[in-house]
Amino acid sequence: MRKSVILFIQVVLCIFDIHRIIKITLMEAVGKLTNLQIELLKLFQYNLPENQLAEIKNMLAKYFANSATTEMDKLWEENKWDNETMKAWASEHLRKK
């Protein structure tokens, strides 16, 4: 009986050690991930059907495209750019000889 209690305590302590090691490893990995990557990992801890994965990729692409468009619109407004600005950019020669 006493040996089984000691063995049980050793197993429990081993599990706590493993949990602590996993937690430390995850914390170190999290430090290398962006906040978006962390949130996506939390949300999608399981496999998705290909069609759902494609839908999510499409939604993310649209979101970032819309964000980029909004930022470009702000730049155009702030800098008072117009079609003439675009024509000037198109005719610039930026290559170095």
PDB file of N, CA and C in Angstrom:
ATOM      1  N   MET A   1       0.834  -1.193   0.000  1.00  0.00           N
ATOM      2  CA  MET A   1       0.000   0.000   0.000  1.00  0.00           C
ATOM      3  C   MET A   1       0.874   1.250   0.000  1.00  0.00           C
ATOM      4  N   ARG A   2       1.887   1.257   0.848  1.00  0.00           N
ATOM      5  CA  ARG A   2       2.747   2.428   0.967  1.00  0.00           C
ATOM      6  C   ARG A   2       3.511   2.670  -0.329  1.00  0.00           C
ATOM      7  N   LYS A   3       3.979   1.595  -0.959  1.00  0.00           N
ATOM      8  CA  LYS A   3       4.704   1.733  -2.219  1.00  0.00           C
ATOM      9  C   LYS A   3       3.793   2.305  -3.311  1.00  0.00           C
ATOM     10  N   SER A   4       2.543   1.897  -3.319  1.00  0.00           N
ATOM     11  CA  SER A   4       1.624   2.408  -4.336  1.00  0.00           C
ATOM     12  C   SER A   4       1.337   3.888  -4.122  1.00  0.00           C
ATOM     13  N   VAL A   5       1.289   4.361  -2.889  1.00  0.00           N
ATOM     14  CA  VAL A   5       1.079   5.783  -2.593  1.00  0.00           C
ATOM     15  C   VAL A   5       2.294   6.575  -3.050  1.00  0.00           C
ATOM     16  N   ILE A   6       3.492   6.073  -2.771  1.00  0.00           N
ATOM     17  CA  ILE A   6       4.719   6.742  -3.186  1.00  0.00           C
ATOM     18  C   ILE A   6       4.785   6.799  -4.718  1.00  0.00           C
ATOM     19  N   LEU A   7       4.437   5.685  -5.367  1.00  0.00           N
ATOM     20  CA  LEU A   7       4.431   5.647  -6.819  1.00  0.00           C
ATOM     21  C   LEU A   7       3.417   6.643  -7.379  1.00  0.00           C
ATOM     22  N   PHE A   8       2.234   6.712  -6.770  1.00  0.00           N
ATOM     23  CA  PHE A   8       1.211   7.655  -7.201  1.00  0.00           C
ATOM     24  C   PHE A   8       1.723   9.096  -7.084  1.00  0.00           C
ATOM     25  N   ILE A   9       2.350   9.421  -5.981  1.00  0.00           N
ATOM     26  CA  ILE A   9       2.895  10.771  -5.774  1.00  0.00           C
ATOM     27  C   ILE A   9       3.972  11.067  -6.810  1.00  0.00           C
ATOM     28  N   GLN A  10       4.824  10.100  -7.106  1.00  0.00           N
ATOM     29  CA  GLN A  10       5.865  10.293  -8.114  1.00  0.00           C
ATOM     30  C   GLN A  10       5.254  10.546  -9.497  1.00  0.00           C
ATOM     31  N   VAL A  11       4.209   9.816  -9.821  1.00  0.00           N
ATOM     32  CA  VAL A  11       3.542   9.999 -11.112  1.00  0.00           C
ATOM     33  C   VAL A  11       2.915  11.393 -11.182  1.00  0.00           C
ATOM     34  N   VAL A  12       2.246  11.806 -10.121  1.00  0.00           N
ATOM     35  CA  VAL A  12       1.624  13.135 -10.083  1.00  0.00           C
ATOM     36  C   VAL A  12       2.692  14.215 -10.233  1.00  0.00           C
ATOM     37  N   LEU A  13       3.800  14.095  -9.518  1.00  0.00           N
ATOM     38  CA  LEU A  13       4.885  15.075  -9.630  1.00  0.00           C
ATOM     39  C   LEU A  13       5.467  15.093 -11.037  1.00  0.00           C
ATOM     40  N   CYS A  14       5.575  13.920 -11.647  1.00  0.00           N
ATOM     41  CA  CYS A  14       6.081  13.830 -13.017  1.00  0.00           C
ATOM     42  C   CYS A  14       5.130  14.540 -13.975  1.00  0.00           C
ATOM     43  N   ILE A  15       3.833  14.347 -13.785  1.00  0.00           N
ATOM     44  CA  ILE A  15       2.841  15.017 -14.634  1.00  0.00           C
ATOM     45  C   ILE A  15       2.946  16.531 -14.469  1.00  0.00           C
ATOM     46  N   PHE A  16       3.097  17.007 -13.239  1.00  0.00           N
ATOM     47  CA  PHE A  16       3.252  18.447 -13.001  1.00  0.00           C
ATOM     48  C   PHE A  16       4.509  18.974 -13.683  1.00  0.00           C
ATOM     49  N   ASP A  17       5.593  18.212 -13.634  1.00  0.00           N
ATOM     50  CA  ASP A  17       6.831  18.623 -14.305  1.00  0.00           C
ATOM     51  C   ASP A  17       6.635  18.700 -15.816  1.00  0.00           C
ATOM     52  N   ILE A  18       5.981  17.708 -16.370  1.00  0.00           N
ATOM     53  CA  ILE A  18       5.718  17.704 -17.812  1.00  0.00           C
ATOM     54  C   ILE A  18       4.858  18.906 -18.184  1.00  0.00           C
ATOM     55  N   HIS A  19       3.820  19.157 -17.392  1.00  0.00           N
ATOM     56  CA  HIS A  19       2.937  20.305 -17.644  1.00  0.00           C
ATOM     57  C   HIS A  19       3.728  21.608 -17.582  1.00  0.00           C
ATOM     58  N   ARG A  20       4.599  21.735 -16.608  1.00  0.00           N
ATOM     59  CA  ARG A  20       5.421  22.944 -16.460  1.00  0.00           C
ATOM     60  C   ARG A  20       6.344  23.111 -17.657  1.00  0.00           C
ATOM     61  N   ILE A  21       6.966  22.020 -18.103  1.00  0.00           N
ATOM     62  CA  ILE A  21       7.873  22.080 -19.255  1.00  0.00           C
ATOM     63  C   ILE A  21       7.111  22.475 -20.519  1.00  0.00           C
ATOM     64  N   ILE A  22       5.929  21.888 -20.713  1.00  0.00           N
ATOM     65  CA  ILE A  22       5.119  22.225 -21.887  1.00  0.00           C
ATOM     66  C   ILE A  22       4.717  23.696 -21.837  1.00  0.00           C
ATOM     67  N   LYS A  23       4.318  24.159 -20.666  1.00  0.00           N
ATOM     68  CA  LYS A  23       3.900  25.556 -20.512  1.00  0.00           C
ATOM     69  C   LYS A  23       5.054  26.502 -20.826  1.00  0.00           C
ATOM     70  N   ILE A  24       6.234  26.206 -20.333  1.00  0.00           N
ATOM     71  CA  ILE A  24       7.414  27.043 -20.599  1.00  0.00           C
ATOM     72  C   ILE A  24       7.736  27.021 -22.085  1.00  0.00           C
ATOM     73  N   THR A  25       7.688  25.849 -22.707  1.00  0.00           N
ATOM     74  CA  THR A  25       7.966  25.731 -24.140  1.00  0.00           C
ATOM     75  C   THR A  25       6.967  26.536 -24.953  1.00  0.00           C
ATOM     76  N   LEU A  26       5.688  26.460 -24.607  1.00  0.00           N
ATOM     77  CA  LEU A  26       4.672  27.223 -25.314  1.00  0.00           C
ATOM     78  C   LEU A  26       4.873  28.723 -25.122  1.00  0.00           C
ATOM     79  N   MET A  27       5.235  29.127 -23.912  1.00  0.00           N
ATOM     80  CA  MET A  27       5.465  30.547 -23.653  1.00  0.00           C
ATOM     81  C   MET A  27       6.631  31.062 -24.486  1.00  0.00           C
ATOM     82  N   GLU A  28       7.678  30.253 -24.629  1.00  0.00           N
ATOM     83  CA  GLU A  28       8.818  30.648 -25.459  1.00  0.00           C
ATOM     84  C   GLU A  28       8.402  30.743 -26.925  1.00  0.00           C
ATOM     85  N   ALA A  29       7.594  29.796 -27.381  1.00  0.00           N
ATOM     86  CA  ALA A  29       7.127  29.826 -28.772  1.00  0.00           C
ATOM     87  C   ALA A  29       6.227  31.020 -29.011  1.00  0.00           C
ATOM     88  N   VAL A  30       5.368  31.325 -28.041  1.00  0.00           N
ATOM     89  CA  VAL A  30       4.452  32.448 -28.177  1.00  0.00           C
ATOM     90  C   VAL A  30       5.223  33.748 -28.338  1.00  0.00           C
ATOM     91  N   GLY A  31       6.362  33.865 -27.691  1.00  0.00           N
ATOM     92  CA  GLY A  31       7.171  35.072 -27.818  1.00  0.00           C
ATOM     93  C   GLY A  31       7.668  35.289 -29.237  1.00  0.00           C
ATOM     94  N   LYS A  32       7.676  34.240 -30.043  1.00  0.00           N
ATOM     95  CA  LYS A  32       8.160  34.336 -31.419  1.00  0.00           C
ATOM     96  C   LYS A  32       7.022  34.490 -32.423  1.00  0.00           C
ATOM     97  N   LEU A  33       5.787  34.395 -31.952  1.00  0.00           N
ATOM     98  CA  LEU A  33       4.633  34.508 -32.834  1.00  0.00           C
ATOM     99  C   LEU A  33       4.015  35.895 -32.697  1.00  0.00           C
ATOM    100  N   THR A  34       3.329  36.322 -33.745  1.00  0.00           N
ATOM    101  CA  THR A  34       2.613  37.585 -33.669  1.00  0.00           C
ATOM    102  C   THR A  34       1.305  37.367 -32.923  1.00  0.00           C
ATOM    103  N   ASN A  35       0.682  38.455 -32.500  1.00  0.00           N
ATOM    104  CA  ASN A  35      -0.595  38.317 -31.799  1.00  0.00           C
ATOM    105  C   ASN A  35      -1.662  37.694 -32.699  1.00  0.00           C
ATOM    106  N   LEU A  36      -1.605  37.974 -33.999  1.00  0.00           N
ATOM    107  CA  LEU A  36      -2.556  37.366 -34.928  1.00  0.00           C
ATOM    108  C   LEU A  36      -2.335  35.863 -35.020  1.00  0.00           C
ATOM    109  N   GLN A  37      -1.088  35.438 -35.105  1.00  0.00           N
ATOM    110  CA  GLN A  37      -0.792  34.006 -35.178  1.00  0.00           C
ATOM    111  C   GLN A  37      -1.280  33.279 -33.924  1.00  0.00           C
ATOM    112  N   ILE A  38      -1.085  33.890 -32.776  1.00  0.00           N
ATOM    113  CA  ILE A  38      -1.521  33.274 -31.517  1.00  0.00           C
ATOM    114  C   ILE A  38      -3.034  33.105 -31.503  1.00  0.00           C
ATOM    115  N   GLU A  39      -3.766  34.161 -31.907  1.00  0.00           N
ATOM    116  CA  GLU A  39      -5.226  34.084 -31.918  1.00  0.00           C
ATOM    117  C   GLU A  39      -5.726  33.049 -32.906  1.00  0.00           C
ATOM    118  N   LEU A  40      -5.101  32.973 -34.078  1.00  0.00           N
ATOM    119  CA  LEU A  40      -5.515  31.978 -35.062  1.00  0.00           C
ATOM    120  C   LEU A  40      -5.245  30.563 -34.559  1.00  0.00           C
ATOM    121  N   LEU A  41      -4.130  30.379 -33.867  1.00  0.00           N
ATOM    122  CA  LEU A  41      -3.842  29.053 -33.300  1.00  0.00           C
ATOM    123  C   LEU A  41      -4.883  28.667 -32.258  1.00  0.00           C
ATOM    124  N   LYS A  42      -5.291  29.632 -31.450  1.00  0.00           N
ATOM    125  CA  LYS A  42      -6.319  29.357 -30.439  1.00  0.00           C
ATOM    126  C   LYS A  42      -7.646  28.997 -31.096  1.00  0.00           C
ATOM    127  N   LEU A  43      -7.996  29.719 -32.160  1.00  0.00           N
ATOM    128  CA  LEU A  43      -9.283  29.496 -32.813  1.00  0.00           C
ATOM    129  C   LEU A  43      -9.343  28.181 -33.579  1.00  0.00           C
ATOM    130  N   PHE A  44      -8.242  27.814 -34.200  1.00  0.00           N
ATOM    131  CA  PHE A  44      -8.262  26.674 -35.103  1.00  0.00           C
ATOM    132  C   PHE A  44      -7.345  25.566 -34.612  1.00  0.00           C
ATOM    133  N   GLN A  45      -7.717  24.972 -33.499  1.00  0.00           N
ATOM    134  CA  GLN A  45      -6.932  23.898 -32.915  1.00  0.00           C
ATOM    135  C   GLN A  45      -7.311  22.544 -33.509  1.00  0.00           C
ATOM    136  N   TYR A  46      -8.137  22.556 -34.534  1.00  0.00           N
ATOM    137  CA  TYR A  46      -8.603  21.314 -35.132  1.00  0.00           C
ATOM    138  C   TYR A  46      -8.541  21.438 -36.653  1.00  0.00           C
ATOM    139  N   ASN A  47      -8.610  20.309 -37.305  1.00  0.00           N
ATOM    140  CA  ASN A  47      -8.580  20.305 -38.768  1.00  0.00           C
ATOM    141  C   ASN A  47      -9.921  20.760 -39.322  1.00  0.00           C
ATOM    142  N   LEU A  48      -9.866  21.542 -40.379  1.00  0.00           N
ATOM    143  CA  LEU A  48     -11.076  22.014 -41.051  1.00  0.00           C
ATOM    144  C   LEU A  48     -11.196  21.334 -42.406  1.00  0.00           C
ATOM    145  N   PRO A  49     -12.426  21.186 -42.880  1.00  0.00           N
ATOM    146  CA  PRO A  49     -12.586  20.722 -44.265  1.00  0.00           C
ATOM    147  C   PRO A  49     -11.968  21.755 -45.209  1.00  0.00           C
ATOM    148  N   GLU A  50     -11.502  21.303 -46.350  1.00  0.00           N
ATOM    149  CA  GLU A  50     -10.811  22.176 -47.301  1.00  0.00           C
ATOM    150  C   GLU A  50     -11.658  23.375 -47.709  1.00  0.00           C
ATOM    151  N   ASN A  51     -12.973  23.175 -47.881  1.00  0.00           N
ATOM    152  CA  ASN A  51     -13.816  24.289 -48.303  1.00  0.00           C
ATOM    153  C   ASN A  51     -13.897  25.370 -47.225  1.00  0.00           C
ATOM    154  N   GLN A  52     -13.941  24.988 -45.950  1.00  0.00           N
ATOM    155  CA  GLN A  52     -13.952  25.978 -44.873  1.00  0.00           C
ATOM    156  C   GLN A  52     -12.610  26.699 -44.788  1.00  0.00           C
ATOM    157  N   LEU A  53     -11.532  25.966 -44.957  1.00  0.00           N
ATOM    158  CA  LEU A  53     -10.205  26.566 -44.943  1.00  0.00           C
ATOM    159  C   LEU A  53     -10.084  27.593 -46.063  1.00  0.00           C
ATOM    160  N   ALA A  54     -10.589  27.257 -47.243  1.00  0.00           N
ATOM    161  CA  ALA A  54     -10.552  28.181 -48.383  1.00  0.00           C
ATOM    162  C   ALA A  54     -11.375  29.430 -48.084  1.00  0.00           C
ATOM    163  N   GLU A  55     -12.538  29.263 -47.452  1.00  0.00           N
ATOM    164  CA  GLU A  55     -13.381  30.406 -47.095  1.00  0.00           C
ATOM    165  C   GLU A  55     -12.662  31.331 -46.113  1.00  0.00           C
ATOM    166  N   ILE A  56     -12.008  30.751 -45.135  1.00  0.00           N
ATOM    167  CA  ILE A  56     -11.291  31.551 -44.136  1.00  0.00           C
ATOM    168  C   ILE A  56     -10.126  32.293 -44.777  1.00  0.00           C
ATOM    169  N   LYS A  57      -9.385  31.612 -45.648  1.00  0.00           N
ATOM    170  CA  LYS A  57      -8.292  32.275 -46.362  1.00  0.00           C
ATOM    171  C   LYS A  57      -8.819  33.447 -47.176  1.00  0.00           C
ATOM    172  N   ASN A  58      -9.965  33.241 -47.829  1.00  0.00           N
ATOM    173  CA  ASN A  58     -10.574  34.289 -48.643  1.00  0.00           C
ATOM    174  C   ASN A  58     -11.004  35.470 -47.764  1.00  0.00           C
ATOM    175  N   MET A  59     -11.606  35.179 -46.616  1.00  0.00           N
ATOM    176  CA  MET A  59     -12.016  36.254 -45.703  1.00  0.00           C
ATOM    177  C   MET A  59     -10.807  37.049 -45.212  1.00  0.00           C
ATOM    178  N   LEU A  60      -9.734  36.355 -44.863  1.00  0.00           N
ATOM    179  CA  LEU A  60      -8.525  37.041 -44.403  1.00  0.00           C
ATOM    180  C   LEU A  60      -7.917  37.888 -45.519  1.00  0.00           C
ATOM    181  N   ALA A  61      -7.885  37.341 -46.728  1.00  0.00           N
ATOM    182  CA  ALA A  61      -7.341  38.094 -47.861  1.00  0.00           C
ATOM    183  C   ALA A  61      -8.159  39.358 -48.104  1.00  0.00           C
ATOM    184  N   LYS A  62      -9.502  39.234 -48.068  1.00  0.00           N
ATOM    185  CA  LYS A  62     -10.366  40.401 -48.257  1.00  0.00           C
ATOM    186  C   LYS A  62     -10.147  41.425 -47.155  1.00  0.00           C
ATOM    187  N   TYR A  63     -10.016  40.969 -45.921  1.00  0.00           N
ATOM    188  CA  TYR A  63      -9.804  41.878 -44.799  1.00  0.00           C
ATOM    189  C   TYR A  63      -8.520  42.689 -44.998  1.00  0.00           C
ATOM    190  N   PHE A  64      -7.424  42.009 -45.318  1.00  0.00           N
ATOM    191  CA  PHE A  64      -6.150  42.712 -45.475  1.00  0.00           C
ATOM    192  C   PHE A  64      -6.143  43.584 -46.733  1.00  0.00           C
ATOM    193  N   ALA A  65      -6.826  43.155 -47.786  1.00  0.00           N
ATOM    194  CA  ALA A  65      -6.928  43.989 -48.992  1.00  0.00           C
ATOM    195  C   ALA A  65      -7.715  45.261 -48.682  1.00  0.00           C
ATOM    196  N   ASN A  66      -8.808  45.111 -47.939  1.00  0.00           N
ATOM    197  CA  ASN A  66      -9.599  46.286 -47.554  1.00  0.00           C
ATOM    198  C   ASN A  66      -8.796  47.225 -46.664  1.00  0.00           C
ATOM    199  N   SER A  67      -8.024  46.663 -45.742  1.00  0.00           N
ATOM    200  CA  SER A  67      -7.184  47.494 -44.866  1.00  0.00           C
ATOM    201  C   SER A  67      -6.151  48.256 -45.678  1.00  0.00           C
ATOM    202  N   ALA A  68      -5.524  47.583 -46.641  1.00  0.00           N
ATOM    203  CA  ALA A  68      -4.525  48.238 -47.486  1.00  0.00           C
ATOM    204  C   ALA A  68      -5.173  49.341 -48.324  1.00  0.00           C
ATOM    205  N   THR A  69      -6.361  49.078 -48.866  1.00  0.00           N
ATOM    206  CA  THR A  69      -7.074  50.079 -49.662  1.00  0.00           C
ATOM    207  C   THR A  69      -7.417  51.298 -48.815  1.00  0.00           C
ATOM    208  N   THR A  70      -7.883  51.072 -47.602  1.00  0.00           N
ATOM    209  CA  THR A  70      -8.213  52.175 -46.699  1.00  0.00           C
ATOM    210  C   THR A  70      -6.982  53.023 -46.408  1.00  0.00           C
ATOM    211  N   GLU A  71      -5.868  52.379 -46.150  1.00  0.00           N
ATOM    212  CA  GLU A  71      -4.626  53.123 -45.869  1.00  0.00           C
ATOM    213  C   GLU A  71      -4.164  53.903 -47.097  1.00  0.00           C
ATOM    214  N   MET A  72      -4.275  53.300 -48.280  1.00  0.00           N
ATOM    215  CA  MET A  72      -3.892  54.012 -49.501  1.00  0.00           C
ATOM    216  C   MET A  72      -4.809  55.204 -49.741  1.00  0.00           C
ATOM    217  N   ASP A  73      -6.098  55.041 -49.479  1.00  0.00           N
ATOM    218  CA  ASP A  73      -7.032  56.156 -49.623  1.00  0.00           C
ATOM    219  C   ASP A  73      -6.641  57.310 -48.700  1.00  0.00           C
ATOM    220  N   LYS A  74      -6.233  56.969 -47.477  1.00  0.00           N
ATOM    221  CA  LYS A  74      -5.782  58.005 -46.535  1.00  0.00           C
ATOM    222  C   LYS A  74      -4.555  58.730 -47.075  1.00  0.00           C
ATOM    223  N   LEU A  75      -3.593  57.961 -47.610  1.00  0.00           N
ATOM    224  CA  LEU A  75      -2.392  58.570 -48.175  1.00  0.00           C
ATOM    225  C   LEU A  75      -2.733  59.499 -49.337  1.00  0.00           C
ATOM    226  N   TRP A  76      -3.652  59.073 -50.205  1.00  0.00           N
ATOM    227  CA  TRP A  76      -4.051  59.904 -51.335  1.00  0.00           C
ATOM    228  C   TRP A  76      -4.659  61.212 -50.831  1.00  0.00           C
ATOM    229  N   GLU A  77      -5.512  61.106 -49.819  1.00  0.00           N
ATOM    230  CA  GLU A  77      -6.144  62.308 -49.265  1.00  0.00           C
ATOM    231  C   GLU A  77      -5.113  63.230 -48.629  1.00  0.00           C
ATOM    232  N   GLU A  78      -4.256  62.655 -47.774  1.00  0.00           N
ATOM    233  CA  GLU A  78      -3.272  63.457 -47.040  1.00  0.00           C
ATOM    234  C   GLU A  78      -2.271  64.142 -47.969  1.00  0.00           C
ATOM    235  N   ASN A  79      -1.862  63.448 -49.026  1.00  0.00           N
ATOM    236  CA  ASN A  79      -0.845  63.976 -49.930  1.00  0.00           C
ATOM    237  C   ASN A  79      -1.421  64.647 -51.169  1.00  0.00           C
ATOM    238  N   LYS A  80      -2.755  64.663 -51.236  1.00  0.00           N
ATOM    239  CA  LYS A  80      -3.450  65.273 -52.377  1.00  0.00           C
ATOM    240  C   LYS A  80      -2.977  64.696 -53.713  1.00  0.00           C
ATOM    241  N   TRP A  81      -2.828  63.379 -53.756  1.00  0.00           N
ATOM    242  CA  TRP A  81      -2.443  62.713 -54.984  1.00  0.00           C
ATOM    243  C   TRP A  81      -3.649  62.631 -55.907  1.00  0.00           C
ATOM    244  N   ASP A  82      -3.393  62.562 -57.215  1.00  0.00           N
ATOM    245  CA  ASP A  82      -4.459  62.424 -58.201  1.00  0.00           C
ATOM    246  C   ASP A  82      -3.939  61.607 -59.383  1.00  0.00           C
ATOM    247  N   ASN A  83      -4.713  61.562 -60.452  1.00  0.00           N
ATOM    248  CA  ASN A  83      -4.304  60.788 -61.626  1.00  0.00           C
ATOM    249  C   ASN A  83      -3.012  61.317 -62.230  1.00  0.00           C
ATOM    250  N   GLU A  84      -2.802  62.626 -62.148  1.00  0.00           N
ATOM    251  CA  GLU A  84      -1.565  63.205 -62.669  1.00  0.00           C
ATOM    252  C   GLU A  84      -0.361  62.689 -61.882  1.00  0.00           C
ATOM    253  N   THR A  85      -0.533  62.507 -60.581  1.00  0.00           N
ATOM    254  CA  THR A  85       0.534  61.952 -59.745  1.00  0.00           C
ATOM    255  C   THR A  85       0.893  60.547 -60.229  1.00  0.00           C
ATOM    256  N   MET A  86      -0.127  59.761 -60.529  1.00  0.00           N
ATOM    257  CA  MET A  86       0.103  58.393 -61.003  1.00  0.00           C
ATOM    258  C   MET A  86       0.839  58.394 -62.347  1.00  0.00           C
ATOM    259  N   LYS A  87       0.441  59.313 -63.232  1.00  0.00           N
ATOM    260  CA  LYS A  87       1.111  59.405 -64.538  1.00  0.00           C
ATOM    261  C   LYS A  87       2.572  59.802 -64.353  1.00  0.00           C
ATOM    262  N   ALA A  88       2.826  60.720 -63.429  1.00  0.00           N
ATOM    263  CA  ALA A  88       4.207  61.146 -63.162  1.00  0.00           C
ATOM    264  C   ALA A  88       5.027  59.980 -62.624  1.00  0.00           C
ATOM    265  N   TRP A  89       4.444  59.207 -61.712  1.00  0.00           N
ATOM    266  CA  TRP A  89       5.158  58.054 -61.162  1.00  0.00           C
ATOM    267  C   TRP A  89       5.467  57.045 -62.259  1.00  0.00           C
ATOM    268  N   ALA A  90       4.503  56.842 -63.150  1.00  0.00           N
ATOM    269  CA  ALA A  90       4.674  55.835 -64.205  1.00  0.00           C
ATOM    270  C   ALA A  90       5.818  56.214 -65.164  1.00  0.00           C
ATOM    271  N   SER A  91       6.051  57.501 -65.310  1.00  0.00           N
ATOM    272  CA  SER A  91       7.105  57.924 -66.253  1.00  0.00           C
ATOM    273  C   SER A  91       8.450  58.134 -65.582  1.00  0.00           C
ATOM    274  N   GLU A  92       8.534  57.955 -64.270  1.00  0.00           N
ATOM    275  CA  GLU A  92       9.830  58.131 -63.578  1.00  0.00           C
ATOM    276  C   GLU A  92      10.767  56.990 -63.921  1.00  0.00           C
ATOM    277  N   HIS A  93      12.046  57.311 -64.024  1.00  0.00           N
ATOM    278  CA  HIS A  93      13.073  56.305 -64.251  1.00  0.00           C
ATOM    279  C   HIS A  93      13.886  56.214 -62.964  1.00  0.00           C
ATOM    280  N   LEU A  94      13.649  55.139 -62.221  1.00  0.00           N
ATOM    281  CA  LEU A  94      14.283  55.007 -60.904  1.00  0.00           C
ATOM    282  C   LEU A  94      15.484  54.065 -60.908  1.00  0.00           C
ATOM    283  N   ARG A  95      15.793  53.455 -62.031  1.00  0.00           N
ATOM    284  CA  ARG A  95      16.927  52.537 -62.073  1.00  0.00           C
ATOM    285  C   ARG A  95      18.227  53.304 -61.989  1.00  0.00           C
ATOM    286  N   LYS A  96      19.144  52.742 -61.256  1.00  0.00           N
ATOM    287  CA  LYS A  96      20.479  53.348 -61.164  1.00  0.00           C
ATOM    288  C   LYS A  96      21.365  52.745 -62.237  1.00  0.00           C
ATOM    289  N   LYS A  97      22.237  53.578 -62.777  1.00  0.00           N
ATOM    290  CA  LYS A  97      23.151  53.070 -63.828  1.00  0.00           C
ATOM    291  C   LYS A  97      24.460  52.668 -63.235  1.00  0.00           C
TER     292      LYS A  97
END
